[in-house]
Protein backbone atom coordinates (compact mmCIF):
# COMPACT_ATOMS: atom_id res chain seq x y z
CA MET A 1 0.00 0.00 0.01
CA SER A 2 1.00 3.59 -0.48
CA VAL A 3 2.66 5.19 2.49
CA LEU A 4 0.01 7.92 2.35
CA ILE A 5 -2.95 5.80 1.60
CA LYS A 6 -2.49 3.82 4.79
CA VAL A 7 -2.88 6.71 7.22
CA PHE A 8 -4.45 9.36 5.13
CA ILE A 9 -6.37 8.91 1.91
CA GLY A 10 -4.50 9.26 -1.34
CA SER A 11 -1.04 9.44 -2.61
CA VAL A 12 0.59 12.65 -3.78
CA VAL A 13 3.09 10.68 -5.78
CA GLY A 14 3.76 12.25 -9.15
CA VAL A 15 1.93 15.47 -8.51
CA LEU A 16 4.99 17.55 -9.16
CA THR A 17 6.00 15.35 -12.12
CA VAL A 18 3.19 16.67 -14.40
CA GLY A 19 4.26 20.27 -14.17
CA LEU A 20 7.95 19.72 -14.57
CA LEU A 21 8.19 16.82 -17.01
CA GLY A 22 5.19 17.40 -19.10
CA CYS A 23 7.08 19.80 -21.38
CA GLY A 24 10.53 18.88 -22.72
CA CYS A 25 11.44 22.55 -23.25
CA LEU A 26 11.96 23.04 -19.55
CA TYR A 27 15.27 21.21 -19.67
CA PRO A 28 16.71 21.50 -23.23
CA PHE A 29 18.93 18.57 -24.12
CA THR A 30 22.11 19.10 -26.15
CA PRO A 31 25.15 16.94 -26.62
CA GLN A 32 26.99 19.20 -24.15
CA ARG A 33 24.41 18.71 -21.43
CA PRO A 34 23.87 15.61 -19.33
CA ASN A 35 20.54 13.92 -20.09
CA LEU A 36 18.72 14.64 -16.83
CA TYR A 37 15.41 13.28 -18.18
CA SER A 38 16.85 9.77 -18.54
CA ASP A 39 17.78 9.65 -14.87
CA VAL A 40 14.36 11.06 -13.80
CA TYR A 41 12.34 8.73 -15.92
CA LYS A 42 14.44 5.78 -14.64
CA ALA A 43 13.86 6.96 -11.08
CA ASN A 44 10.19 7.20 -11.60
CA ASP A 45 10.02 3.69 -13.00
CA LEU A 46 11.93 2.36 -10.04
CA ARG A 47 9.60 4.27 -7.63
CA TYR A 48 6.48 2.87 -9.28
CA SER A 49 8.02 -0.60 -9.04
CA GLY A 50 8.53 -0.18 -5.31
CA LYS A 51 12.37 -0.11 -5.63
CA TYR A 52 12.66 2.96 -3.47
CA GLU A 53 16.31 2.71 -2.47
CA ALA A 54 17.37 2.50 -6.17
CA ALA A 55 15.00 5.27 -7.02
CA ILE A 56 16.64 7.54 -4.42
CA ALA A 57 20.02 6.94 -6.00
CA GLU A 58 18.62 7.88 -9.44
CA TYR A 59 16.99 11.01 -8.16
CA GLU A 60 20.23 12.05 -6.34
CA GLN A 61 22.18 11.42 -9.54
CA ALA A 62 19.84 13.64 -11.43
CA LEU A 63 20.21 16.32 -8.75
CA GLU A 64 23.97 16.22 -9.15
CA LYS A 65 23.61 16.76 -12.92
CA LEU A 66 21.64 19.94 -12.57
CA PRO A 67 23.48 22.82 -14.25
CA ARG A 68 24.26 25.89 -12.16
CA SER A 69 24.76 28.89 -14.48
CA PRO A 70 23.17 32.28 -14.87
CA ALA A 71 21.90 31.35 -18.32
CA ASP A 72 19.68 28.64 -17.00
CA THR A 73 16.04 29.24 -16.15
CA LYS A 74 14.38 29.45 -12.76
CA VAL A 75 12.62 26.16 -13.62
CA ILE A 76 15.95 24.34 -13.79
CA ASN A 77 17.58 26.20 -10.90
CA VAL A 78 14.65 26.09 -8.52
CA SER A 79 11.69 23.91 -9.57
CA PHE A 80 13.67 20.90 -10.57
CA PRO A 81 15.46 20.64 -7.18
CA THR A 82 12.01 20.98 -5.54
CA PHE A 83 10.70 18.09 -7.60
CA LEU A 84 13.71 15.85 -7.09
CA LYS A 85 14.02 16.40 -3.36
CA TYR A 86 10.26 15.86 -2.94
CA HIS A 87 10.45 12.43 -4.49
CA ILE A 88 13.59 11.57 -2.49
CA ALA A 89 11.59 12.45 0.64
CA PHE A 90 8.69 10.28 -0.48
CA CYS A 91 10.97 7.31 -1.25
CA TYR A 92 12.59 7.56 2.13
CA ALA A 93 9.17 7.66 3.78
CA LYS A 94 8.20 4.47 1.83
CA LEU A 95 11.39 2.74 2.89
CA ALA A 96 10.82 3.76 6.51
CA GLU A 97 7.39 2.17 6.44
CA ALA A 98 8.58 -1.00 4.71
CA GLU A 99 11.62 -1.58 6.83
CA GLY A 100 10.41 -0.18 10.13
CA ASP A 101 13.52 2.01 10.30
CA VAL A 102 12.62 5.29 12.04
CA SER A 103 15.97 6.85 10.99
CA LEU A 104 14.72 6.81 7.42
CA TYR A 105 11.87 9.17 8.37
CA VAL A 106 14.61 11.58 9.60
CA LYS A 107 16.08 11.52 6.11
CA ALA A 108 12.65 11.87 4.58
CA GLU A 109 12.00 14.92 6.69
CA ALA A 110 15.38 16.48 5.77
CA ALA A 111 14.60 16.05 2.11
CA ALA A 112 11.13 17.46 2.47
CA ARG A 113 12.47 20.51 4.31
CA GLU A 114 15.00 21.09 1.49
CA SER A 115 12.31 20.66 -1.11
CA TYR A 116 10.09 23.23 0.56
CA LYS A 117 12.92 25.79 0.60
CA THR A 118 13.05 25.85 -3.23
CA ALA A 119 9.29 25.53 -3.87
CA ILE A 120 8.09 28.68 -5.66
CA LEU A 121 4.73 27.59 -7.01
CA SER A 122 1.83 27.51 -4.59
CA ARG A 123 0.81 24.00 -5.74
CA ASP A 124 4.37 22.70 -5.24
CA GLN A 125 4.42 24.22 -1.77
CA ALA A 126 1.09 22.52 -0.96
CA ASP A 127 2.36 19.14 -2.14
CA VAL A 128 5.52 19.35 -0.02
CA LEU A 129 3.65 20.60 3.07
CA TYR A 130 1.29 17.65 2.82
CA LEU A 131 4.16 15.15 2.62
CA TRP A 132 6.12 16.91 5.31
CA GLY A 133 3.13 16.85 7.61
CA TYR A 134 2.66 13.18 6.97
CA ILE A 135 6.25 12.43 7.78
CA LEU A 136 5.95 14.36 11.06
CA PHE A 137 2.74 12.42 11.82
CA LYS A 138 4.54 9.17 11.27
CA ARG A 139 7.33 10.28 13.65
CA GLY A 140 4.75 10.99 16.33
CA ARG A 141 5.35 14.67 16.19
CA TYR A 142 1.67 15.47 16.02
CA ALA A 143 1.77 19.13 17.10
CA GLU A 144 4.23 19.89 14.31
CA ALA A 145 2.27 17.85 11.84
CA ARG A 146 -0.90 19.79 12.78
CA ALA A 147 0.92 23.09 12.11
CA LYS A 148 1.90 21.93 8.60
CA PHE A 149 -1.67 20.77 7.81
CA GLU A 150 -3.06 24.06 9.17
CA GLU A 151 -0.65 26.08 7.17
CA LEU A 152 -1.66 24.12 4.05
CA ILE A 153 -5.42 24.60 4.65
CA ASN A 154 -5.09 28.27 5.56
CA ALA A 155 -3.29 28.90 2.23
CA ALA A 156 -6.08 27.25 0.27
CA PRO A 157 -8.04 30.38 -0.65
CA GLN A 158 -4.89 31.88 -2.22
CA SER A 159 -3.68 28.62 -3.68
CA GLU A 160 -4.53 26.89 -6.94
CA PHE A 161 -5.22 23.57 -5.33
CA ARG A 162 -8.77 22.51 -4.62
CA GLY A 163 -11.03 19.52 -4.42
CA ARG A 164 -9.64 16.20 -3.41
CA PHE A 165 -6.31 17.46 -2.22
CA LEU A 166 -7.93 20.00 0.16
CA GLU A 167 -10.29 17.32 1.38
CA GLU A 168 -7.34 15.03 2.16
CA ALA A 169 -5.56 17.83 3.94
CA MET A 170 -8.71 18.46 6.06
CA TYR A 171 -8.86 14.75 6.98
CA ALA A 172 -5.13 14.71 7.82
CA LEU A 173 -5.74 17.61 10.23
CA GLY A 174 -8.67 15.90 11.84
CA LYS A 175 -6.72 12.68 12.27
CA THR A 176 -3.86 14.61 13.80
CA TYR A 177 -6.17 16.22 16.30
CA LEU A 178 -7.44 12.76 17.29
CA GLU A 179 -3.86 11.65 17.93
CA LEU A 180 -3.33 14.76 20.08
CA GLY A 181 -6.41 13.84 22.13
CA ASP A 182 -8.32 16.94 21.14
CA THR A 183 -11.65 15.35 20.26
CA THR A 184 -13.52 18.60 20.12
CA ALA A 185 -11.23 20.08 17.49
CA ALA A 186 -11.15 16.78 15.65
CA GLY A 187 -14.94 16.65 15.59
CA GLN A 188 -15.19 20.15 14.24
CA ILE A 189 -12.79 19.40 11.44
CA LEU A 190 -14.52 16.19 10.53
CA VAL A 191 -17.92 17.98 10.35
CA GLN A 192 -16.38 20.59 8.06
CA LEU A 193 -14.97 17.91 5.86
CA GLU A 194 -18.33 16.11 5.67
CA THR A 195 -20.00 19.38 4.63
CA MET A 196 -17.25 19.95 2.09
CA ILE A 197 -17.86 16.60 0.34
CA HIS A 198 -21.60 16.52 0.77
CA GLY A 199 -23.42 16.15 -2.57
CA ALA A 200 -20.33 15.20 -4.59
CA ASP A 201 -21.10 12.60 -7.19
CA SER A 202 -17.69 11.39 -8.32
CA TYR A 203 -16.69 8.04 -6.89
CA PHE A 204 -13.02 8.50 -7.59
CA HIS A 205 -13.03 11.97 -6.19
CA THR A 206 -14.76 11.31 -2.86
CA ALA A 207 -14.81 7.60 -1.99
CA GLY A 208 -11.44 7.38 -0.31
CA VAL A 209 -12.19 10.52 1.71
CA MET A 210 -15.61 9.31 2.76
CA CYS A 211 -14.40 5.94 3.86
CA ALA A 212 -11.63 7.46 5.96
CA LEU A 213 -14.04 10.05 7.34
CA GLY A 214 -16.50 7.40 8.47
CA LYS A 215 -13.73 5.43 10.22
CA ALA A 216 -12.52 8.63 11.90
CA TYR A 217 -16.02 9.19 13.22
CA LEU A 218 -15.87 5.72 14.70
CA GLU A 219 -12.57 6.52 16.35
CA LEU A 220 -14.26 9.61 17.72
CA GLY A 221 -17.05 7.47 19.14
CA ASP A 222 -19.73 8.92 16.90
CA GLU A 223 -21.38 5.79 15.39
CA SER A 224 -24.33 7.74 14.08
CA ALA A 225 -22.13 10.06 12.02
CA ALA A 226 -20.08 7.11 10.79
CA ARG A 227 -23.17 5.27 9.57
CA ARG A 228 -24.40 8.41 7.86
CA VAL A 229 -21.19 8.71 5.86
CA PHE A 230 -21.07 5.01 5.18
CA ALA A 231 -24.58 5.13 3.74
CA GLN A 232 -23.50 7.92 1.36
CA LEU A 233 -20.51 5.84 0.37
CA GLU A 234 -22.78 2.87 -0.48
CA VAL A 235 -24.65 5.14 -2.84
CA LEU A 236 -21.47 5.98 -4.68
CA ILE A 237 -20.58 2.29 -4.97
CA GLU A 238 -24.04 1.52 -6.33
CA ILE A 239 -23.57 4.29 -8.95
CA GLU A 240 -20.41 2.61 -10.15
CA LEU A 241 -22.16 -0.76 -10.28
CA GLN A 242 -24.91 0.69 -12.49
CA ASP A 243 -22.34 2.27 -14.90
CA ASP A 244 -21.70 0.04 -17.90
CA PHE A 245 -18.13 1.31 -18.10
CA LEU A 246 -15.69 0.88 -15.23
CA GLY A 247 -12.90 3.47 -15.31
CA TRP A 248 -9.22 2.89 -15.12
CA ASP A 249 -8.34 2.22 -11.46
CA ALA A 250 -4.84 3.61 -10.94
CA GLU A 251 -4.91 3.49 -7.10
CA GLY A 252 -6.94 0.32 -6.34
CA ILE A 253 -9.87 2.32 -5.05
CA PHE A 254 -12.51 0.06 -6.54
CA ALA A 255 -11.07 -2.80 -4.42
CA LYS A 256 -9.82 -1.12 -1.29
CA ILE A 257 -12.77 1.24 -0.45
CA PRO A 258 -15.64 -1.32 -0.54
CA TYR A 259 -13.38 -3.77 1.31
CA ASP A 260 -12.63 -1.24 4.04
CA LEU A 261 -16.34 -0.31 4.24
CA GLY A 262 -17.35 -3.94 4.67
CA LYS A 263 -14.77 -4.46 7.37
CA ALA A 264 -15.99 -1.36 9.18
CA TYR A 265 -19.52 -2.76 9.15
CA LEU A 266 -18.22 -6.01 10.68
CA GLU A 267 -16.57 -3.96 13.43
CA LEU A 268 -19.90 -2.36 14.11
CA GLY A 269 -21.43 -5.86 14.31
CA ASP A 270 -23.60 -5.28 11.20
CA GLU A 271 -22.99 -8.50 9.38
CA ALA A 272 -25.87 -8.03 7.00
CA ALA A 273 -24.52 -4.69 5.80
CA ALA A 274 -21.07 -6.12 5.47
CA ARG A 275 -22.26 -9.03 3.35
CA CYS A 276 -24.13 -6.63 1.05
CA VAL A 277 -20.96 -4.51 0.51
CA PHE A 278 -18.79 -7.61 -0.05
CA ALA A 279 -21.25 -8.80 -2.66
CA GLN A 280 -20.91 -5.44 -4.48
CA LEU A 281 -17.13 -5.67 -4.06
CA GLU A 282 -17.05 -9.01 -5.83
CA VAL A 283 -18.76 -7.54 -8.88
CA LEU A 284 -16.30 -4.64 -9.00
CA LEU A 285 -13.33 -6.99 -8.60
CA LYS A 286 -14.46 -9.17 -11.45
CA ARG A 287 -15.17 -6.28 -13.78
CA ALA A 288 -11.86 -4.53 -13.06
CA LEU A 289 -9.79 -7.68 -13.40
CA GLN A 290 -11.51 -9.14 -16.42
CA GLY A 291 -11.70 -5.85 -18.18
CA GLY A 292 -8.03 -4.98 -17.64
CA PHE A 293 -8.76 -1.81 -15.70
CA VAL A 294 -6.29 -2.34 -12.89
CA GLY A 295 -3.35 0.04 -13.08
CA PRO A 296 0.21 -1.25 -12.25
CA ASP A 297 0.30 0.67 -8.94
CA ALA A 298 -2.99 -0.89 -7.94
CA GLU A 299 -2.09 -4.55 -8.49
CA GLU A 300 -0.80 -5.07 -4.95
CA VAL A 301 -3.98 -3.56 -3.58
CA TYR A 302 -6.18 -5.91 -5.55
CA ALA A 303 -4.10 -8.91 -4.60
CA GLU A 304 -4.27 -8.01 -0.87
CA VAL A 305 -8.07 -7.35 -1.08
CA LEU A 306 -8.66 -10.75 -2.82
CA TYR A 307 -6.69 -12.48 -0.04
CA GLY A 308 -8.30 -10.44 2.73
CA LEU A 309 -11.84 -10.96 1.38
CA GLY A 310 -11.19 -14.66 1.12
CA LYS A 311 -10.13 -14.77 4.76
CA VAL A 312 -13.13 -12.73 5.81
CA TYR A 313 -15.43 -15.13 3.97
CA LEU A 314 -13.84 -18.09 5.85
CA GLU A 315 -14.56 -16.25 9.17
CA LEU A 316 -18.17 -15.88 8.04
CA ASP A 317 -18.35 -19.60 7.16
CA GLU A 318 -18.76 -18.77 3.49
CA GLU A 319 -16.39 -21.42 2.15
CA ALA A 320 -17.59 -21.30 -1.43
CA ALA A 321 -17.18 -17.48 -1.60
CA ALA A 322 -13.71 -17.85 -0.06
CA ARG A 323 -12.75 -20.32 -2.77
CA ARG A 324 -13.87 -17.88 -5.40
CA MET A 325 -11.67 -15.14 -4.00
CA PHE A 326 -8.64 -17.38 -3.58
CA ALA A 327 -9.06 -18.85 -7.10
CA MET A 328 -9.18 -15.24 -8.54
CA LEU A 329 -6.01 -14.38 -6.57
CA LEU A 330 -4.10 -17.35 -7.99
CA GLU A 331 -5.43 -16.64 -11.53
CA HIS A 332 -4.45 -13.00 -11.64
CA TYR A 333 -1.59 -12.76 -9.12
CA SER A 334 0.18 -16.11 -9.16
CA ASP A 335 3.28 -14.53 -7.65
CA SER A 336 1.43 -13.34 -4.56
CA PRO A 337 3.26 -13.86 -1.25
CA HIS A 338 0.10 -15.54 -0.05
CA LYS A 339 0.22 -18.21 -2.79
CA THR A 340 1.36 -21.09 -0.64
CA GLU A 341 -1.11 -20.37 2.09
CA VAL A 342 -3.94 -19.91 -0.36
CA GLU A 343 -3.15 -23.22 -2.12
CA ARG A 344 -3.10 -24.93 1.28
CA LEU A 345 -6.50 -23.42 2.22
CA LEU A 346 -8.01 -24.47 -1.12
CA GLU A 347 -6.81 -28.04 -0.56
CA LYS A 348 -8.48 -28.11 2.83
CA GLN A 349 -11.86 -27.00 1.51
């Protein structure tokens, strides 16, 4: 899973890439210049493949190749370092999560701080602040994380970022208040967030935020509010089921969100609601996998959801349903780390 998806909602991976690499004229290539783009594209490929340590090396190599001369543009002298250091920070955060090495979060924070120093565009500043706040959150420095998220949100009226990113920043702030034990402030932020997303009709745009919001309400002890949000989320899922065309799933949201919703209902003791959501999830899984709509970055999510749903079905004494999920896992993700266990479970059934 994405380092950001686990605690917050979505990943900010690649946000800076579009602005800086979308136009080749930003970094003109000549035989006398090092080919910076080749290093960056290689680093991006490594990052997307989960090879974060190797990606860091490539980003750092690209950083060393940056020209430093008065003739170069501000994009090269300022924005490119922002972009490269941002992704170095992200990769260190991913490594810290994967390896459980807190010292890597220290390196991630240092890179984020350096990235912010050179960020001149409001959107770039917002991206870095969000990542920096997340890193502080993971280090347990909640007061500092809160300050970053508040700075990000307060800048919103003057900034070019809107929509999902602002919603995620609001959720991150609410989550941080929960960790600080300030339930009053957390509740106020969550209510503001719910108002912000009320009436939105885009599944991709709001589903992750809504699911996280509902679970945050549960953490706050407000079951009524959680169920209200979950009911709205079910409507969005139903809308997707009624649509003949399932869009490209780059983040695994069609798999992860319904799965998390069903699990939340089980935690509430509402098995009937959970079974209903899981039935919808099965339809979405089949359509996405059979239609080839699963993006490369979402494959791990789908594999984990298939495995997790199979295990849940076993707990619910739904052996036939569990077999369906495990069979789909082996069919589409034969290299899954759960392969041996799944094959053993299938033999026992």
